[in-house]
Amino acid sequence: MKNKTIAILENRAGEQLADLVRKYGGTPFSAPALAEIPDIDPVLIAQLLKDWQSNIPDVFIFQTGVGVKAMFATTDALGMTEQLLQTLASSVVAVRGTKPTAALRSRKVRIDLLASEPYTTTEVLITLDTLLLTGKHVVVQRYGDTNWELQRALEARGAHVTEITTYRWSLPENTKPMIDLMDALDADAIDVVCFTSASQVNNLFTVAQQLGRKEALQAGLNRSLVASIGPVCTMALTKVGVGVDIEPSPPKLGPFIDAINNNLSSSVSAIE
């Protein structure tokens, strides 16, 4: 990664990624393409918890650590965390990945079903294959957008789905860093572009479309190396006509940076 410029579209873990790039001798180029907006309704949460006292949901599905923490922060403020814990103790708790797992275990929540790597909706649904969901009430902790693939699959299995919104994804207020990235790609000044969510792809191309730069962005990305954190992100890039050169296994930040560094090292060795 030495002497290479690595574009980072991550917001929340952007500095962590930048530090890893610097560790390998690279130069990070920050272009946050995603903002997380708190979007949890305490009144709705309070009403749901009261309803669940007499009508306990059969299954809870937690998808993100941020969402779990936001939900518990809300119940803490309401003084209703014990009610939530009692409800979870009487239900099947399914979890999508390591971050929601850690957040739940910090609250001593029993986890019944844990999706395997790479923690996509496919693995969540495979985990749920052990359950008969016909007529069952399933509560899904939403992440930035509704997971329509999961919701439709649950409904197809006969489940009644309640979605809890904890935060939503949006375009950053300041889109100039994204425009600067497009300029840098046009000038072939970026060696690798790191995508860590499908929403980053969608937001970057939304801004490009608004500026009449969609085709130029697509061409610029395809001239550089494109790194995708995992299958869902890769699918989003494929849909907009961008090839993916690097995808780590497992889909975590450490292996992600290692895979990028290994790819660049291999390219240098091949040239030499």
Foldseek 3Di string as FASTA:
>chain_A
DAPAEEEEQDDPCRVVLQVLCVVLRYHYQYQHFKDKAFDADLVVLVVVLVVCVVPQAAEEEEEALLLLVLSCVSCVVVVNNVSVLVSLQNHAYEYQDDNVVVNCVVVPRDHHFYFDPPRDLVSSVVRCVVDQAAVGEYEYEDDQDRPVVNVVVSVVSRHHYDYGYGIHMDGDPDNVSLVVVLVCLLVVRHAEYEDEALSSLVSSLVVCVVVVNLVSSQVSQQVHAYFYLDDRNQVSCVVSPHHHDHYFPNSDSVRSSVRVSVVVVVVVVVVD
